[in-house]
Amino acid sequence: MPEPGVRIEPLTNADVAAVVELAVRVLRVKPGDRGEQFAADITGQRRQMFVARANGQVVAYGRIVKLAADEAGPGTPAGYYLSGLLVDPAWRGRGIGTALTQARLRWAFARTGWCSM
C-alpha cells in the first residue's frame, strides 16, 4: 500500500501529457510518439497503463500488455507482461511501485479468471 494521499488509477486522456513529461524528465528521452503510444493504453483491450497520483500530480506509471505467442520474440509464450514501471525519484521508496504492480496484476487476473489478489 502506498503512503496516504497516493492514488493508483487507470491512465486517462488528461494524464497523457504528464506521463510523457515524467518519462522525458526522468529517463532523459525525447517525447517522440510516446503520447500516442500511451494514449493507446486507454482504449486497448490488450493493454492498460496505471498512474500514481500524489496531490493531484502524476508521480509514477506502470503498463501491462497481453502478447500473443512469439510476439515479443521467438519462444515467448502468450500472456500478460508487466512493462514500463517508472517512479519519479523523489517518490521512490514509498510503496508506489508495489502498488502499481498489484494494480496491473489485478487487471490481468480479472481478464483471465486465473486467481484474485
PDB file of N, CA and C in Angstrom:
ATOM      1  N   MET A   1       0.840  -1.181   0.000  1.00  0.00           N
ATOM      2  CA  MET A   1       0.000   0.000   0.000  1.00  0.00           C
ATOM      3  C   MET A   1       0.886   1.245   0.000  1.00  0.00           C
ATOM      4  N   PRO A   2       0.647   2.148  -0.953  1.00  0.00           N
ATOM      5  CA  PRO A   2       1.467   3.372  -0.936  1.00  0.00           C
ATOM      6  C   PRO A   2       1.078   4.250   0.240  1.00  0.00           C
ATOM      7  N   GLU A   3       1.887   5.242   0.494  1.00  0.00           N
ATOM      8  CA  GLU A   3       1.599   6.130   1.618  1.00  0.00           C
ATOM      9  C   GLU A   3       0.278   6.860   1.393  1.00  0.00           C
ATOM     10  N   PRO A   4      -0.342   7.352   2.467  1.00  0.00           N
ATOM     11  CA  PRO A   4      -1.612   8.064   2.338  1.00  0.00           C
ATOM     12  C   PRO A   4      -1.489   9.242   1.371  1.00  0.00           C
ATOM     13  N   GLY A   5      -2.556   9.482   0.629  1.00  0.00           N
ATOM     14  CA  GLY A   5      -2.565  10.583  -0.324  1.00  0.00           C
ATOM     15  C   GLY A   5      -2.123  10.194  -1.720  1.00  0.00           C
ATOM     16  N   VAL A   6      -1.624   8.969  -1.903  1.00  0.00           N
ATOM     17  CA  VAL A   6      -1.235   8.491  -3.227  1.00  0.00           C
ATOM     18  C   VAL A   6      -2.339   7.566  -3.729  1.00  0.00           C
ATOM     19  N   ARG A   7      -2.830   7.855  -4.928  1.00  0.00           N
ATOM     20  CA  ARG A   7      -3.899   7.050  -5.530  1.00  0.00           C
ATOM     21  C   ARG A   7      -3.383   6.384  -6.799  1.00  0.00           C
ATOM     22  N   ILE A   8      -3.777   5.134  -6.987  1.00  0.00           N
ATOM     23  CA  ILE A   8      -3.441   4.384  -8.196  1.00  0.00           C
ATOM     24  C   ILE A   8      -4.714   4.292  -9.023  1.00  0.00           C
ATOM     25  N   GLU A   9      -4.633   4.754 -10.284  1.00  0.00           N
ATOM     26  CA  GLU A   9      -5.805   4.782 -11.154  1.00  0.00           C
ATOM     27  C   GLU A   9      -5.398   4.478 -12.581  1.00  0.00           C
ATOM     28  N   PRO A  10      -6.354   4.026 -13.401  1.00  0.00           N
ATOM     29  CA  PRO A  10      -6.041   3.845 -14.821  1.00  0.00           C
ATOM     30  C   PRO A  10      -5.720   5.192 -15.470  1.00  0.00           C
ATOM     31  N   LEU A  11      -4.851   5.153 -16.451  1.00  0.00           N
ATOM     32  CA  LEU A  11      -4.487   6.328 -17.224  1.00  0.00           C
ATOM     33  C   LEU A  11      -5.728   6.906 -17.914  1.00  0.00           C
ATOM     34  N   THR A  12      -5.831   8.230 -17.942  1.00  0.00           N
ATOM     35  CA  THR A  12      -6.886   8.919 -18.684  1.00  0.00           C
ATOM     36  C   THR A  12      -6.243   9.838 -19.713  1.00  0.00           C
ATOM     37  N   ASN A  13      -7.039  10.332 -20.645  1.00  0.00           N
ATOM     38  CA  ASN A  13      -6.522  11.276 -21.642  1.00  0.00           C
ATOM     39  C   ASN A  13      -5.897  12.494 -20.975  1.00  0.00           C
ATOM     40  N   ALA A  14      -6.472  12.916 -19.859  1.00  0.00           N
ATOM     41  CA  ALA A  14      -5.952  14.090 -19.145  1.00  0.00           C
ATOM     42  C   ALA A  14      -4.569  13.835 -18.548  1.00  0.00           C
ATOM     43  N   ASP A  15      -4.178  12.565 -18.385  1.00  0.00           N
ATOM     44  CA  ASP A  15      -2.884  12.207 -17.793  1.00  0.00           C
ATOM     45  C   ASP A  15      -1.756  12.066 -18.805  1.00  0.00           C
ATOM     46  N   VAL A  16      -2.073  11.925 -20.079  1.00  0.00           N
ATOM     47  CA  VAL A  16      -1.066  11.559 -21.081  1.00  0.00           C
ATOM     48  C   VAL A  16       0.098  12.544 -21.102  1.00  0.00           C
ATOM     49  N   ALA A  17      -0.186  13.834 -21.124  1.00  0.00           N
ATOM     50  CA  ALA A  17       0.902  14.826 -21.180  1.00  0.00           C
ATOM     51  C   ALA A  17       1.798  14.721 -19.944  1.00  0.00           C
ATOM     52  N   ALA A  18       1.214  14.495 -18.766  1.00  0.00           N
ATOM     53  CA  ALA A  18       2.003  14.384 -17.538  1.00  0.00           C
ATOM     54  C   ALA A  18       2.866  13.129 -17.550  1.00  0.00           C
ATOM     55  N   VAL A  19       2.361  12.039 -18.107  1.00  0.00           N
ATOM     56  CA  VAL A  19       3.127  10.795 -18.182  1.00  0.00           C
ATOM     57  C   VAL A  19       4.294  10.958 -19.158  1.00  0.00           C
ATOM     58  N   VAL A  20       4.041  11.611 -20.280  1.00  0.00           N
ATOM     59  CA  VAL A  20       5.123  11.868 -21.244  1.00  0.00           C
ATOM     60  C   VAL A  20       6.182  12.751 -20.593  1.00  0.00           C
ATOM     61  N   GLU A  21       5.759  13.796 -19.897  1.00  0.00           N
ATOM     62  CA  GLU A  21       6.710  14.706 -19.232  1.00  0.00           C
ATOM     63  C   GLU A  21       7.547  13.946 -18.207  1.00  0.00           C
ATOM     64  N   LEU A  22       6.932  13.052 -17.444  1.00  0.00           N
ATOM     65  CA  LEU A  22       7.657  12.258 -16.456  1.00  0.00           C
ATOM     66  C   LEU A  22       8.713  11.390 -17.147  1.00  0.00           C
ATOM     67  N   ALA A  23       8.339  10.719 -18.223  1.00  0.00           N
ATOM     68  CA  ALA A  23       9.285   9.867 -18.951  1.00  0.00           C
ATOM     69  C   ALA A  23      10.438  10.690 -19.520  1.00  0.00           C
ATOM     70  N   VAL A  24      10.130  11.843 -20.100  1.00  0.00           N
ATOM     71  CA  VAL A  24      11.165  12.698 -20.687  1.00  0.00           C
ATOM     72  C   VAL A  24      12.116  13.203 -19.610  1.00  0.00           C
ATOM     73  N   ARG A  25      11.562  13.645 -18.486  1.00  0.00           N
ATOM     74  CA  ARG A  25      12.376  14.217 -17.419  1.00  0.00           C
ATOM     75  C   ARG A  25      13.236  13.168 -16.712  1.00  0.00           C
ATOM     76  N   VAL A  26      12.652  12.039 -16.367  1.00  0.00           N
ATOM     77  CA  VAL A  26      13.367  11.042 -15.571  1.00  0.00           C
ATOM     78  C   VAL A  26      14.264  10.156 -16.439  1.00  0.00           C
ATOM     79  N   LEU A  27      13.771   9.741 -17.579  1.00  0.00           N
ATOM     80  CA  LEU A  27      14.536   8.836 -18.439  1.00  0.00           C
ATOM     81  C   LEU A  27      15.438   9.576 -19.427  1.00  0.00           C
ATOM     82  N   ARG A  28      15.232  10.894 -19.511  1.00  0.00           N
ATOM     83  CA  ARG A  28      16.008  11.737 -20.438  1.00  0.00           C
ATOM     84  C   ARG A  28      15.887  11.241 -21.878  1.00  0.00           C
ATOM     85  N   VAL A  29      14.647  10.976 -22.267  1.00  0.00           N
ATOM     86  CA  VAL A  29      14.351  10.552 -23.633  1.00  0.00           C
ATOM     87  C   VAL A  29      13.594  11.664 -24.339  1.00  0.00           C
ATOM     88  N   LYS A  30      13.511  11.572 -25.647  1.00  0.00           N
ATOM     89  CA  LYS A  30      12.731  12.539 -26.419  1.00  0.00           C
ATOM     90  C   LYS A  30      11.277  12.095 -26.424  1.00  0.00           C
ATOM     91  N   PRO A  31      10.348  13.050 -26.467  1.00  0.00           N
ATOM     92  CA  PRO A  31       8.932  12.689 -26.426  1.00  0.00           C
ATOM     93  C   PRO A  31       8.510  11.789 -27.585  1.00  0.00           C
ATOM     94  N   GLY A  32       9.007  12.076 -28.796  1.00  0.00           N
ATOM     95  CA  GLY A  32       8.642  11.248 -29.949  1.00  0.00           C
ATOM     96  C   GLY A  32       7.155  11.017 -30.019  1.00  0.00           C
ATOM     97  N   ASP A  33       6.764   9.773 -30.219  1.00  0.00           N
ATOM     98  CA  ASP A  33       5.339   9.444 -30.298  1.00  0.00           C
ATOM     99  C   ASP A  33       4.840   8.772 -29.012  1.00  0.00           C
ATOM    100  N   ARG A  34       5.518   9.047 -27.903  1.00  0.00           N
ATOM    101  CA  ARG A  34       5.118   8.440 -26.625  1.00  0.00           C
ATOM    102  C   ARG A  34       3.678   8.779 -26.251  1.00  0.00           C
ATOM    103  N   GLY A  35       3.248   9.998 -26.520  1.00  0.00           N
ATOM    104  CA  GLY A  35       1.873  10.377 -26.200  1.00  0.00           C
ATOM    105  C   GLY A  35       0.869   9.494 -26.905  1.00  0.00           C
ATOM    106  N   GLU A  36       1.119   9.212 -28.172  1.00  0.00           N
ATOM    107  CA  GLU A  36       0.226   8.327 -28.928  1.00  0.00           C
ATOM    108  C   GLU A  36       0.299   6.905 -28.386  1.00  0.00           C
ATOM    109  N   GLN A  37       1.500   6.453 -28.056  1.00  0.00           N
ATOM    110  CA  GLN A  37       1.648   5.107 -27.508  1.00  0.00           C
ATOM    111  C   GLN A  37       0.905   4.981 -26.183  1.00  0.00           C
ATOM    112  N   PHE A  38       1.092   5.968 -25.302  1.00  0.00           N
ATOM    113  CA  PHE A  38       0.430   5.914 -24.001  1.00  0.00           C
ATOM    114  C   PHE A  38      -1.086   6.026 -24.154  1.00  0.00           C
ATOM    115  N   ALA A  39      -1.551   6.888 -25.040  1.00  0.00           N
ATOM    116  CA  ALA A  39      -2.991   7.058 -25.245  1.00  0.00           C
ATOM    117  C   ALA A  39      -3.626   5.759 -25.734  1.00  0.00           C
ATOM    118  N   ALA A  40      -2.878   4.953 -26.493  1.00  0.00           N
ATOM    119  CA  ALA A  40      -3.401   3.671 -26.967  1.00  0.00           C
ATOM    120  C   ALA A  40      -3.700   2.734 -25.800  1.00  0.00           C
ATOM    121  N   ASP A  41      -3.035   2.932 -24.664  1.00  0.00           N
ATOM    122  CA  ASP A  41      -3.285   2.089 -23.490  1.00  0.00           C
ATOM    123  C   ASP A  41      -4.640   2.367 -22.864  1.00  0.00           C
ATOM    124  N   ILE A  42      -5.225   3.519 -23.162  1.00  0.00           N
ATOM    125  CA  ILE A  42      -6.511   3.887 -22.564  1.00  0.00           C
ATOM    126  C   ILE A  42      -7.633   3.052 -23.157  1.00  0.00           C
ATOM    127  N   THR A  43      -7.608   2.849 -24.448  1.00  0.00           N
ATOM    128  CA  THR A  43      -8.699   2.148 -25.119  1.00  0.00           C
ATOM    129  C   THR A  43      -8.345   0.722 -25.521  1.00  0.00           C
ATOM    130  N   GLY A  44      -7.113   0.332 -25.322  1.00  0.00           N
ATOM    131  CA  GLY A  44      -6.689  -1.000 -25.736  1.00  0.00           C
ATOM    132  C   GLY A  44      -7.292  -2.095 -24.877  1.00  0.00           C
ATOM    133  N   GLN A  45      -7.710  -3.170 -25.532  1.00  0.00           N
ATOM    134  CA  GLN A  45      -8.249  -4.322 -24.815  1.00  0.00           C
ATOM    135  C   GLN A  45      -7.135  -5.238 -24.311  1.00  0.00           C
ATOM    136  N   ARG A  46      -5.955  -5.120 -24.909  1.00  0.00           N
ATOM    137  CA  ARG A  46      -4.838  -5.994 -24.557  1.00  0.00           C
ATOM    138  C   ARG A  46      -3.769  -5.277 -23.766  1.00  0.00           C
ATOM    139  N   ARG A  47      -4.045  -4.066 -23.317  1.00  0.00           N
ATOM    140  CA  ARG A  47      -3.034  -3.297 -22.585  1.00  0.00           C
ATOM    141  C   ARG A  47      -3.733  -2.288 -21.678  1.00  0.00           C
ATOM    142  N   GLN A  48      -2.994  -1.900 -20.658  1.00  0.00           N
ATOM    143  CA  GLN A  48      -3.501  -0.889 -19.726  1.00  0.00           C
ATOM    144  C   GLN A  48      -2.304  -0.207 -19.075  1.00  0.00           C
ATOM    145  N   MET A  49      -2.482   1.061 -18.793  1.00  0.00           N
ATOM    146  CA  MET A  49      -1.474   1.798 -18.039  1.00  0.00           C
ATOM    147  C   MET A  49      -2.165   2.352 -16.801  1.00  0.00           C
ATOM    148  N   PHE A  50      -1.453   2.270 -15.693  1.00  0.00           N
ATOM    149  CA  PHE A  50      -1.935   2.851 -14.438  1.00  0.00           C
ATOM    150  C   PHE A  50      -0.989   3.968 -14.040  1.00  0.00           C
ATOM    151  N   VAL A  51      -1.542   4.982 -13.391  1.00  0.00           N
ATOM    152  CA  VAL A  51      -0.732   6.084 -12.880  1.00  0.00           C
ATOM    153  C   VAL A  51      -0.902   6.171 -11.376  1.00  0.00           C
ATOM    154  N   ALA A  52       0.121   6.716 -10.738  1.00  0.00           N
ATOM    155  CA  ALA A  52       0.049   7.034  -9.311  1.00  0.00           C
ATOM    156  C   ALA A  52       0.006   8.546  -9.214  1.00  0.00           C
ATOM    157  N   ARG A  53      -0.975   9.044  -8.461  1.00  0.00           N
ATOM    158  CA  ARG A  53      -1.114  10.482  -8.250  1.00  0.00           C
ATOM    159  C   ARG A  53      -0.887  10.811  -6.785  1.00  0.00           C
ATOM    160  N   ALA A  54      -0.106  11.863  -6.572  1.00  0.00           N
ATOM    161  CA  ALA A  54       0.101  12.404  -5.227  1.00  0.00           C
ATOM    162  C   ALA A  54      -0.209  13.890  -5.312  1.00  0.00           C
ATOM    163  N   ASN A  55      -1.120  14.317  -4.490  1.00  0.00           N
ATOM    164  CA  ASN A  55      -1.527  15.726  -4.503  1.00  0.00           C
ATOM    165  C   ASN A  55      -1.965  16.162  -5.900  1.00  0.00           C
ATOM    166  N   GLY A  56      -2.628  15.255  -6.631  1.00  0.00           N
ATOM    167  CA  GLY A  56      -3.127  15.558  -7.959  1.00  0.00           C
ATOM    168  C   GLY A  56      -2.094  15.489  -9.067  1.00  0.00           C
ATOM    169  N   GLN A  57      -0.840  15.229  -8.731  1.00  0.00           N
ATOM    170  CA  GLN A  57       0.243  15.195  -9.714  1.00  0.00           C
ATOM    171  C   GLN A  57       0.626  13.745 -10.015  1.00  0.00           C
ATOM    172  N   VAL A  58       0.847  13.429 -11.295  1.00  0.00           N
ATOM    173  CA  VAL A  58       1.298  12.091 -11.675  1.00  0.00           C
ATOM    174  C   VAL A  58       2.758  11.937 -11.261  1.00  0.00           C
ATOM    175  N   VAL A  59       3.023  10.936 -10.417  1.00  0.00           N
ATOM    176  CA  VAL A  59       4.385  10.704  -9.925  1.00  0.00           C
ATOM    177  C   VAL A  59       4.950   9.355 -10.356  1.00  0.00           C
ATOM    178  N   ALA A  60       4.130   8.545 -11.031  1.00  0.00           N
ATOM    179  CA  ALA A  60       4.592   7.232 -11.463  1.00  0.00           C
ATOM    180  C   ALA A  60       3.601   6.633 -12.447  1.00  0.00           C
ATOM    181  N   TYR A  61       4.090   5.643 -13.193  1.00  0.00           N
ATOM    182  CA  TYR A  61       3.198   4.893 -14.068  1.00  0.00           C
ATOM    183  C   TYR A  61       3.723   3.483 -14.254  1.00  0.00           C
ATOM    184  N   GLY A  62       2.835   2.600 -14.681  1.00  0.00           N
ATOM    185  CA  GLY A  62       3.200   1.229 -14.991  1.00  0.00           C
ATOM    186  C   GLY A  62       2.236   0.679 -16.023  1.00  0.00           C
ATOM    187  N   ARG A  63       2.761  -0.083 -16.961  1.00  0.00           N
ATOM    188  CA  ARG A  63       1.956  -0.651 -18.044  1.00  0.00           C
ATOM    189  C   ARG A  63       1.894  -2.166 -17.920  1.00  0.00           C
ATOM    190  N   ILE A  64       0.869  -2.720 -18.552  1.00  0.00           N
ATOM    191  CA  ILE A  64       0.746  -4.166 -18.706  1.00  0.00           C
ATOM    192  C   ILE A  64       0.214  -4.414 -20.109  1.00  0.00           C
ATOM    193  N   VAL A  65       0.766  -5.418 -20.773  1.00  0.00           N
ATOM    194  CA  VAL A  65       0.339  -5.745 -22.128  1.00  0.00           C
ATOM    195  C   VAL A  65       0.120  -7.244 -22.252  1.00  0.00           C
ATOM    196  N   LYS A  66      -0.836  -7.602 -23.086  1.00  0.00           N
ATOM    197  CA  LYS A  66      -1.071  -9.013 -23.399  1.00  0.00           C
ATOM    198  C   LYS A  66      -0.451  -9.277 -24.762  1.00  0.00           C
ATOM    199  N   LEU A  67       0.447 -10.240 -24.812  1.00  0.00           N
ATOM    200  CA  LEU A  67       1.139 -10.569 -26.049  1.00  0.00           C
ATOM    201  C   LEU A  67       0.746 -11.957 -26.534  1.00  0.00           C
ATOM    202  N   ALA A  68       0.670 -12.092 -27.846  1.00  0.00           N
ATOM    203  CA  ALA A  68       0.453 -13.394 -28.453  1.00  0.00           C
ATOM    204  C   ALA A  68       1.769 -14.170 -28.416  1.00  0.00           C
ATOM    205  N   ALA A  69       1.688 -15.455 -28.626  1.00  0.00           N
ATOM    206  CA  ALA A  69       2.902 -16.284 -28.654  1.00  0.00           C
ATOM    207  C   ALA A  69       3.874 -15.732 -29.680  1.00  0.00           C
ATOM    208  N   ASP A  70       5.129 -15.647 -29.302  1.00  0.00           N
ATOM    209  CA  ASP A  70       6.237 -15.170 -30.148  1.00  0.00           C
ATOM    210  C   ASP A  70       6.176 -13.682 -30.479  1.00  0.00           C
ATOM    211  N   GLU A  71       5.190 -12.942 -29.991  1.00  0.00           N
ATOM    212  CA  GLU A  71       5.063 -11.515 -30.320  1.00  0.00           C
ATOM    213  C   GLU A  71       6.234 -10.700 -29.772  1.00  0.00           C
ATOM    214  N   ALA A  72       6.758 -11.070 -28.622  1.00  0.00           N
ATOM    215  CA  ALA A  72       7.878 -10.344 -28.024  1.00  0.00           C
ATOM    216  C   ALA A  72       9.217 -10.924 -28.466  1.00  0.00           C
ATOM    217  N   GLY A  73       9.178 -12.002 -29.192  1.00  0.00           N
ATOM    218  CA  GLY A  73      10.405 -12.631 -29.652  1.00  0.00           C
ATOM    219  C   GLY A  73      10.221 -14.134 -29.757  1.00  0.00           C
ATOM    220  N   PRO A  74      11.106 -14.788 -30.455  1.00  0.00           N
ATOM    221  CA  PRO A  74      10.999 -16.243 -30.621  1.00  0.00           C
ATOM    222  C   PRO A  74      10.955 -16.964 -29.272  1.00  0.00           C
ATOM    223  N   GLY A  75      10.032 -17.882 -29.156  1.00  0.00           N
ATOM    224  CA  GLY A  75       9.918 -18.688 -27.951  1.00  0.00           C
ATOM    225  C   GLY A  75       9.180 -18.032 -26.796  1.00  0.00           C
ATOM    226  N   THR A  76       8.707 -16.802 -26.990  1.00  0.00           N
ATOM    227  CA  THR A  76       7.999 -16.102 -25.923  1.00  0.00           C
ATOM    228  C   THR A  76       6.571 -16.647 -25.823  1.00  0.00           C
ATOM    229  N   PRO A  77       6.156 -17.094 -24.650  1.00  0.00           N
ATOM    230  CA  PRO A  77       4.791 -17.608 -24.522  1.00  0.00           C
ATOM    231  C   PRO A  77       3.764 -16.483 -24.524  1.00  0.00           C
ATOM    232  N   ALA A  78       2.558 -16.807 -24.928  1.00  0.00           N
ATOM    233  CA  ALA A  78       1.463 -15.853 -24.883  1.00  0.00           C
ATOM    234  C   ALA A  78       1.128 -15.550 -23.433  1.00  0.00           C
ATOM    235  N   GLY A  79       0.680 -14.333 -23.181  1.00  0.00           N
ATOM    236  CA  GLY A  79       0.248 -13.983 -21.836  1.00  0.00           C
ATOM    237  C   GLY A  79       0.440 -12.516 -21.533  1.00  0.00           C
ATOM    238  N   TYR A  80       0.199 -12.155 -20.296  1.00  0.00           N
ATOM    239  CA  TYR A  80       0.326 -10.776 -19.843  1.00  0.00           C
ATOM    240  C   TYR A  80       1.750 -10.517 -19.365  1.00  0.00           C
ATOM    241  N   TYR A  81       2.259  -9.339 -19.720  1.00  0.00           N
ATOM    242  CA  TYR A  81       3.606  -8.942 -19.333  1.00  0.00           C
ATOM    243  C   TYR A  81       3.588  -7.561 -18.691  1.00  0.00           C
ATOM    244  N   LEU A  82       4.240  -7.433 -17.544  1.00  0.00           N
ATOM    245  CA  LEU A  82       4.396  -6.135 -16.899  1.00  0.00           C
ATOM    246  C   LEU A  82       5.456  -5.367 -17.676  1.00  0.00           C
ATOM    247  N   SER A  83       5.197  -4.095 -17.890  1.00  0.00           N
ATOM    248  CA  SER A  83       6.080  -3.304 -18.742  1.00  0.00           C
ATOM    249  C   SER A  83       6.117  -1.871 -18.249  1.00  0.00           C
ATOM    250  N   GLY A  84       7.268  -1.243 -18.392  1.00  0.00           N
ATOM    251  CA  GLY A  84       7.368   0.196 -18.232  1.00  0.00           C
ATOM    252  C   GLY A  84       6.993   0.792 -16.896  1.00  0.00           C
ATOM    253  N   LEU A  85       7.508   0.283 -15.807  1.00  0.00           N
ATOM    254  CA  LEU A  85       7.264   0.892 -14.499  1.00  0.00           C
ATOM    255  C   LEU A  85       8.265   2.028 -14.288  1.00  0.00           C
ATOM    256  N   LEU A  86       7.758   3.213 -13.959  1.00  0.00           N
ATOM    257  CA  LEU A  86       8.621   4.364 -13.692  1.00  0.00           C
ATOM    258  C   LEU A  86       8.046   5.159 -12.526  1.00  0.00           C
ATOM    259  N   VAL A  87       8.880   5.383 -11.517  1.00  0.00           N
ATOM    260  CA  VAL A  87       8.502   6.189 -10.352  1.00  0.00           C
ATOM    261  C   VAL A  87       9.455   7.373 -10.288  1.00  0.00           C
ATOM    262  N   ASP A  88       8.898   8.562 -10.149  1.00  0.00           N
ATOM    263  CA  ASP A  88       9.713   9.766 -10.005  1.00  0.00           C
ATOM    264  C   ASP A  88      10.698   9.535  -8.855  1.00  0.00           C
ATOM    265  N   PRO A  89      11.980   9.840  -9.052  1.00  0.00           N
ATOM    266  CA  PRO A  89      12.968   9.599  -7.996  1.00  0.00           C
ATOM    267  C   PRO A  89      12.594  10.209  -6.645  1.00  0.00           C
ATOM    268  N   ALA A  90      11.930  11.335  -6.641  1.00  0.00           N
ATOM    269  CA  ALA A  90      11.537  11.978  -5.382  1.00  0.00           C
ATOM    270  C   ALA A  90      10.468  11.188  -4.632  1.00  0.00           C
ATOM    271  N   TRP A  91       9.815  10.240  -5.316  1.00  0.00           N
ATOM    272  CA  TRP A  91       8.732   9.472  -4.708  1.00  0.00           C
ATOM    273  C   TRP A  91       9.080   7.997  -4.518  1.00  0.00           C
ATOM    274  N   ARG A  92      10.293   7.615  -4.785  1.00  0.00           N
ATOM    275  CA  ARG A  92      10.686   6.209  -4.639  1.00  0.00           C
ATOM    276  C   ARG A  92      10.793   5.823  -3.169  1.00  0.00           C
ATOM    277  N   GLY A  93      10.640   4.535  -2.911  1.00  0.00           N
ATOM    278  CA  GLY A  93      10.756   4.020  -1.552  1.00  0.00           C
ATOM    279  C   GLY A  93       9.512   4.228  -0.701  1.00  0.00           C
ATOM    280  N   ARG A  94       8.380   4.492  -1.359  1.00  0.00           N
ATOM    281  CA  ARG A  94       7.131   4.755  -0.626  1.00  0.00           C
ATOM    282  C   ARG A  94       6.032   3.756  -0.957  1.00  0.00           C
ATOM    283  N   GLY A  95       6.392   2.654  -1.606  1.00  0.00           N
ATOM    284  CA  GLY A  95       5.408   1.612  -1.919  1.00  0.00           C
ATOM    285  C   GLY A  95       4.628   1.846  -3.199  1.00  0.00           C
ATOM    286  N   ILE A  96       4.988   2.867  -3.962  1.00  0.00           N
ATOM    287  CA  ILE A  96       4.230   3.198  -5.172  1.00  0.00           C
ATOM    288  C   ILE A  96       4.445   2.142  -6.259  1.00  0.00           C
ATOM    289  N   GLY A  97       5.677   1.713  -6.466  1.00  0.00           N
ATOM    290  CA  GLY A  97       5.951   0.680  -7.464  1.00  0.00           C
ATOM    291  C   GLY A  97       5.226  -0.612  -7.143  1.00  0.00           C
ATOM    292  N   THR A  98       5.208  -0.984  -5.887  1.00  0.00           N
ATOM    293  CA  THR A  98       4.492  -2.188  -5.454  1.00  0.00           C
ATOM    294  C   THR A  98       3.003  -2.045  -5.714  1.00  0.00           C
ATOM    295  N   ALA A  99       2.436  -0.891  -5.385  1.00  0.00           N
ATOM    296  CA  ALA A  99       1.001  -0.662  -5.594  1.00  0.00           C
ATOM    297  C   ALA A  99       0.651  -0.680  -7.081  1.00  0.00           C
ATOM    298  N   LEU A 100       1.511  -0.111  -7.920  1.00  0.00           N
ATOM    299  CA  LEU A 100       1.274  -0.155  -9.364  1.00  0.00           C
ATOM    300  C   LEU A 100       1.344  -1.584  -9.891  1.00  0.00           C
ATOM    301  N   THR A 101       2.271  -2.369  -9.375  1.00  0.00           N
ATOM    302  CA  THR A 101       2.398  -3.763  -9.792  1.00  0.00           C
ATOM    303  C   THR A 101       1.158  -4.549  -9.381  1.00  0.00           C
ATOM    304  N   GLN A 102       0.675  -4.339  -8.174  1.00  0.00           N
ATOM    305  CA  GLN A 102      -0.535  -5.029  -7.724  1.00  0.00           C
ATOM    306  C   GLN A 102      -1.744  -4.645  -8.582  1.00  0.00           C
ATOM    307  N   ALA A 103      -1.870  -3.371  -8.940  1.00  0.00           N
ATOM    308  CA  ALA A 103      -2.989  -2.924  -9.786  1.00  0.00           C
ATOM    309  C   ALA A 103      -2.925  -3.584 -11.156  1.00  0.00           C
ATOM    310  N   ARG A 104      -1.715  -3.679 -11.716  1.00  0.00           N
ATOM    311  CA  ARG A 104      -1.561  -4.297 -13.030  1.00  0.00           C
ATOM    312  C   ARG A 104      -1.868  -5.784 -12.983  1.00  0.00           C
ATOM    313  N   LEU A 105      -1.433  -6.457 -11.926  1.00  0.00           N
ATOM    314  CA  LEU A 105      -1.726  -7.884 -11.790  1.00  0.00           C
ATOM    315  C   LEU A 105      -3.220  -8.128 -11.592  1.00  0.00           C
ATOM    316  N   ARG A 106      -3.874  -7.302 -10.784  1.00  0.00           N
ATOM    317  CA  ARG A 106      -5.331  -7.436 -10.601  1.00  0.00           C
ATOM    318  C   ARG A 106      -6.049  -7.288 -11.942  1.00  0.00           C
ATOM    319  N   TRP A 107      -5.613  -6.326 -12.755  1.00  0.00           N
ATOM    320  CA  TRP A 107      -6.228  -6.093 -14.066  1.00  0.00           C
ATOM    321  C   TRP A 107      -6.098  -7.348 -14.928  1.00  0.00           C
ATOM    322  N   ALA A 108      -4.905  -7.937 -14.966  1.00  0.00           N
ATOM    323  CA  ALA A 108      -4.688  -9.146 -15.765  1.00  0.00           C
ATOM    324  C   ALA A 108      -5.484 -10.321 -15.224  1.00  0.00           C
ATOM    325  N   PHE A 109      -5.460 -10.506 -13.913  1.00  0.00           N
ATOM    326  CA  PHE A 109      -6.175 -11.632 -13.321  1.00  0.00           C
ATOM    327  C   PHE A 109      -7.677 -11.518 -13.559  1.00  0.00           C
ATOM    328  N   ALA A 110      -8.210 -10.317 -13.560  1.00  0.00           N
ATOM    329  CA  ALA A 110      -9.640 -10.116 -13.807  1.00  0.00           C
ATOM    330  C   ALA A 110     -10.015 -10.546 -15.227  1.00  0.00           C
ATOM    331  N   ARG A 111      -9.073 -10.483 -16.139  1.00  0.00           N
ATOM    332  CA  ARG A 111      -9.342 -10.858 -17.518  1.00  0.00           C
ATOM    333  C   ARG A 111      -9.128 -12.346 -17.786  1.00  0.00           C
ATOM    334  N   THR A 112      -8.387 -13.003 -16.935  1.00  0.00           N
ATOM    335  CA  THR A 112      -8.096 -14.415 -17.155  1.00  0.00           C
ATOM    336  C   THR A 112      -8.951 -15.339 -16.296  1.00  0.00           C
ATOM    337  N   GLY A 113      -9.448 -14.817 -15.185  1.00  0.00           N
ATOM    338  CA  GLY A 113     -10.177 -15.652 -14.257  1.00  0.00           C
ATOM    339  C   GLY A 113      -9.255 -16.626 -13.518  1.00  0.00           C
ATOM    340  N   TRP A 114      -7.960 -16.397 -13.641  1.00  0.00           N
ATOM    341  CA  TRP A 114      -6.966 -17.309 -13.070  1.00  0.00           C
ATOM    342  C   TRP A 114      -7.004 -17.315 -11.545  1.00  0.00           C
ATOM    343  N   CYS A 115      -6.909 -16.151 -10.943  1.00  0.00           N
ATOM    344  CA  CYS A 115      -6.981 -16.033  -9.489  1.00  0.00           C
ATOM    345  C   CYS A 115      -7.215 -14.582  -9.147  1.00  0.00           C
ATOM    346  N   SER A 116      -7.361 -14.285  -7.894  1.00  0.00           N
ATOM    347  CA  SER A 116      -7.551 -12.890  -7.497  1.00  0.00           C
ATOM    348  C   SER A 116      -6.559 -12.522  -6.429  1.00  0.00           C
ATOM    349  N   MET A 117      -6.289 -11.228  -6.357  1.00  0.00           N
ATOM    350  CA  MET A 117      -5.359 -10.722  -5.351  1.00  0.00           C
ATOM    351  C   MET A 117      -6.157  -9.982  -4.293  1.00  0.00           C
TER     352      MET A 117
END
